[in-house]
């Protein structure tokens, strides 16, 4: 079962490699992504968000560090895309080897 750190790194790798299938495989079926106050619940909604604003926006992530948390991990990074560019903090909550919740 992957650790929270491995799942956070998987998020980075999926984005940097534009790997939609690997991205989808990271999430629990009832996962939630909260991106600047907007909430995307469930795999299809999360993949749709990614297609528009994450992988689909050519997201490239430079990891500054990934810190373990009691229930997940915190990713600090610098990102480049056709949308947002700059520093990003991403909080992951994991359960049973899958991402349950992401807050950007």
C-alpha atoms as a PDB file:
ATOM      1  CA  UNK A   1       0.000   0.000   0.000  1.00  0.00           C
ATOM      2  CA  UNK A   2       1.525   3.370  -0.973  1.00  0.00           C
ATOM      3  CA  UNK A   3       2.385   5.889   1.724  1.00  0.00           C
ATOM      4  CA  UNK A   4       1.090   9.463   1.778  1.00  0.00           C
ATOM      5  CA  UNK A   5       4.506  10.656   0.605  1.00  0.00           C
ATOM      6  CA  UNK A   6       4.403   8.228  -2.330  1.00  0.00           C
ATOM      7  CA  UNK A   7       0.882   9.361  -3.254  1.00  0.00           C
ATOM      8  CA  UNK A   8       1.946  13.022  -3.185  1.00  0.00           C
ATOM      9  CA  UNK A   9       4.927  12.145  -5.383  1.00  0.00           C
ATOM     10  CA  UNK A  10       2.536  10.239  -7.663  1.00  0.00           C
ATOM     11  CA  UNK A  11       0.470  13.443  -8.013  1.00  0.00           C
ATOM     12  CA  UNK A  12       3.629  15.269  -9.097  1.00  0.00           C
ATOM     13  CA  UNK A  13       4.707  12.522 -11.483  1.00  0.00           C
ATOM     14  CA  UNK A  14       1.262  12.239 -13.087  1.00  0.00           C
ATOM     15  CA  UNK A  15       1.197  15.991 -13.718  1.00  0.00           C
ATOM     16  CA  UNK A  16       4.765  16.227 -14.999  1.00  0.00           C
ATOM     17  CA  UNK A  17       4.221  13.260 -17.338  1.00  0.00           C
ATOM     18  CA  UNK A  18       0.679  14.280 -18.374  1.00  0.00           C
ATOM     19  CA  UNK A  19      -0.409  10.792 -17.305  1.00  0.00           C
ATOM     20  CA  UNK A  20      -4.167  10.934 -16.937  1.00  0.00           C
ATOM     21  CA  UNK A  21      -4.516   7.216 -16.071  1.00  0.00           C
ATOM     22  CA  UNK A  22      -1.898   7.399 -13.303  1.00  0.00           C
ATOM     23  CA  UNK A  23      -3.597  10.529 -11.936  1.00  0.00           C
ATOM     24  CA  UNK A  24      -6.998   8.813 -11.839  1.00  0.00           C
ATOM     25  CA  UNK A  25      -5.536   5.766 -10.067  1.00  0.00           C
ATOM     26  CA  UNK A  26      -4.354   7.882  -7.106  1.00  0.00           C
ATOM     27  CA  UNK A  27      -7.870   8.667  -5.828  1.00  0.00           C
ATOM     28  CA  UNK A  28     -10.478   6.939  -3.692  1.00  0.00           C
ATOM     29  CA  UNK A  29     -13.866   6.726  -5.481  1.00  0.00           C
ATOM     30  CA  UNK A  30     -15.380   9.355  -3.154  1.00  0.00           C
ATOM     31  CA  UNK A  31     -12.337  11.650  -3.102  1.00  0.00           C
ATOM     32  CA  UNK A  32     -12.633  15.434  -3.033  1.00  0.00           C
ATOM     33  CA  UNK A  33     -10.346  18.101  -4.482  1.00  0.00           C
ATOM     34  CA  UNK A  34     -10.745  21.662  -3.205  1.00  0.00           C
ATOM     35  CA  UNK A  35      -9.005  24.148  -5.488  1.00  0.00           C
ATOM     36  CA  UNK A  36      -9.119  27.730  -4.216  1.00  0.00           C
ATOM     37  CA  UNK A  37     -12.537  27.207  -2.661  1.00  0.00           C
ATOM     38  CA  UNK A  38     -14.087  25.234  -5.517  1.00  0.00           C
ATOM     39  CA  UNK A  39     -14.941  21.627  -4.681  1.00  0.00           C
ATOM     40  CA  UNK A  40     -14.763  18.655  -7.055  1.00  0.00           C
ATOM     41  CA  UNK A  41     -16.203  15.441  -5.618  1.00  0.00           C
ATOM     42  CA  UNK A  42     -15.740  11.972  -7.100  1.00  0.00           C
ATOM     43  CA  UNK A  43     -13.338  10.607  -9.683  1.00  0.00           C
ATOM     44  CA  UNK A  44     -15.150  11.935 -12.759  1.00  0.00           C
ATOM     45  CA  UNK A  45     -15.380  15.480 -11.375  1.00  0.00           C
ATOM     46  CA  UNK A  46     -11.721  15.399 -10.317  1.00  0.00           C
ATOM     47  CA  UNK A  47     -10.558  14.118 -13.714  1.00  0.00           C
ATOM     48  CA  UNK A  48     -12.691  16.773 -15.430  1.00  0.00           C
ATOM     49  CA  UNK A  49     -11.062  19.471 -13.286  1.00  0.00           C
ATOM     50  CA  UNK A  50      -7.635  18.046 -14.123  1.00  0.00           C
ATOM     51  CA  UNK A  51      -8.399  17.928 -17.848  1.00  0.00           C
ATOM     52  CA  UNK A  52      -9.230  21.647 -17.753  1.00  0.00           C
ATOM     53  CA  UNK A  53      -6.961  23.098 -15.071  1.00  0.00           C
ATOM     54  CA  UNK A  54      -4.242  20.667 -14.035  1.00  0.00           C
ATOM     55  CA  UNK A  55      -2.861  18.102 -16.492  1.00  0.00           C
ATOM     56  CA  UNK A  56      -4.796  19.760 -19.321  1.00  0.00           C
ATOM     57  CA  UNK A  57      -3.123  23.092 -18.509  1.00  0.00           C
ATOM     58  CA  UNK A  58       0.336  21.588 -18.989  1.00  0.00           C
ATOM     59  CA  UNK A  59       1.071  21.608 -15.259  1.00  0.00           C
ATOM     60  CA  UNK A  60       4.722  21.108 -14.366  1.00  0.00           C
ATOM     61  CA  UNK A  61       5.570  20.799 -10.680  1.00  0.00           C
ATOM     62  CA  UNK A  62       8.943  21.441  -9.098  1.00  0.00           C
ATOM     63  CA  UNK A  63       8.940  19.863  -5.629  1.00  0.00           C
ATOM     64  CA  UNK A  64      10.375  22.011  -2.859  1.00  0.00           C
ATOM     65  CA  UNK A  65       9.544  19.403  -0.218  1.00  0.00           C
ATOM     66  CA  UNK A  66       6.962  16.832   0.797  1.00  0.00           C
ATOM     67  CA  UNK A  67       6.264  16.656   4.526  1.00  0.00           C
ATOM     68  CA  UNK A  68       4.455  13.816   6.284  1.00  0.00           C
ATOM     69  CA  UNK A  69       1.300  14.665   8.239  1.00  0.00           C
ATOM     70  CA  UNK A  70      -0.578  12.415  10.684  1.00  0.00           C
ATOM     71  CA  UNK A  71      -3.298  11.710   8.100  1.00  0.00           C
ATOM     72  CA  UNK A  72      -1.450  12.487   4.877  1.00  0.00           C
ATOM     73  CA  UNK A  73       1.196  14.791   3.437  1.00  0.00           C
ATOM     74  CA  UNK A  74       1.920  18.411   2.590  1.00  0.00           C
ATOM     75  CA  UNK A  75       3.505  19.257  -0.766  1.00  0.00           C
ATOM     76  CA  UNK A  76       5.294  22.577  -1.150  1.00  0.00           C
ATOM     77  CA  UNK A  77       6.174  23.317  -4.745  1.00  0.00           C
ATOM     78  CA  UNK A  78       6.665  25.765  -7.549  1.00  0.00           C
ATOM     79  CA  UNK A  79       4.351  25.227 -10.505  1.00  0.00           C
ATOM     80  CA  UNK A  80       4.242  26.289 -14.140  1.00  0.00           C
ATOM     81  CA  UNK A  81       1.225  25.938 -16.438  1.00  0.00           C
ATOM     82  CA  UNK A  82      -0.857  27.805 -18.969  1.00  0.00           C
ATOM     83  CA  UNK A  83      -2.953  28.947 -16.007  1.00  0.00           C
ATOM     84  CA  UNK A  84      -1.385  29.390 -12.578  1.00  0.00           C
ATOM     85  CA  UNK A  85       2.346  29.947 -12.131  1.00  0.00           C
ATOM     86  CA  UNK A  86       4.024  30.320  -8.766  1.00  0.00           C
ATOM     87  CA  UNK A  87       4.374  28.670  -5.386  1.00  0.00           C
ATOM     88  CA  UNK A  88       1.772  26.152  -4.344  1.00  0.00           C
ATOM     89  CA  UNK A  89       0.902  24.340  -1.140  1.00  0.00           C
ATOM     90  CA  UNK A  90      -1.110  21.141  -1.544  1.00  0.00           C
ATOM     91  CA  UNK A  91      -2.502  19.239   1.456  1.00  0.00           C
ATOM     92  CA  UNK A  92      -3.298  15.549   0.995  1.00  0.00           C
ATOM     93  CA  UNK A  93      -5.419  13.344   3.239  1.00  0.00           C
ATOM     94  CA  UNK A  94      -5.064   9.643   2.509  1.00  0.00           C
ATOM     95  CA  UNK A  95      -6.980   6.519   3.476  1.00  0.00           C
ATOM     96  CA  UNK A  96      -6.328   2.890   2.577  1.00  0.00           C
ATOM     97  CA  UNK A  97      -3.510   3.750   0.190  1.00  0.00           C
ATOM     98  CA  UNK A  98      -5.506   6.285  -1.862  1.00  0.00           C
ATOM     99  CA  UNK A  99      -5.957  10.054  -1.846  1.00  0.00           C
ATOM    100  CA  UNK A 100      -9.184  10.945  -0.066  1.00  0.00           C
ATOM    101  CA  UNK A 101      -8.949  14.737   0.051  1.00  0.00           C
ATOM    102  CA  UNK A 102      -6.776  17.398  -1.580  1.00  0.00           C
ATOM    103  CA  UNK A 103      -6.745  21.078  -0.644  1.00  0.00           C
ATOM    104  CA  UNK A 104      -4.889  23.488  -2.923  1.00  0.00           C
END
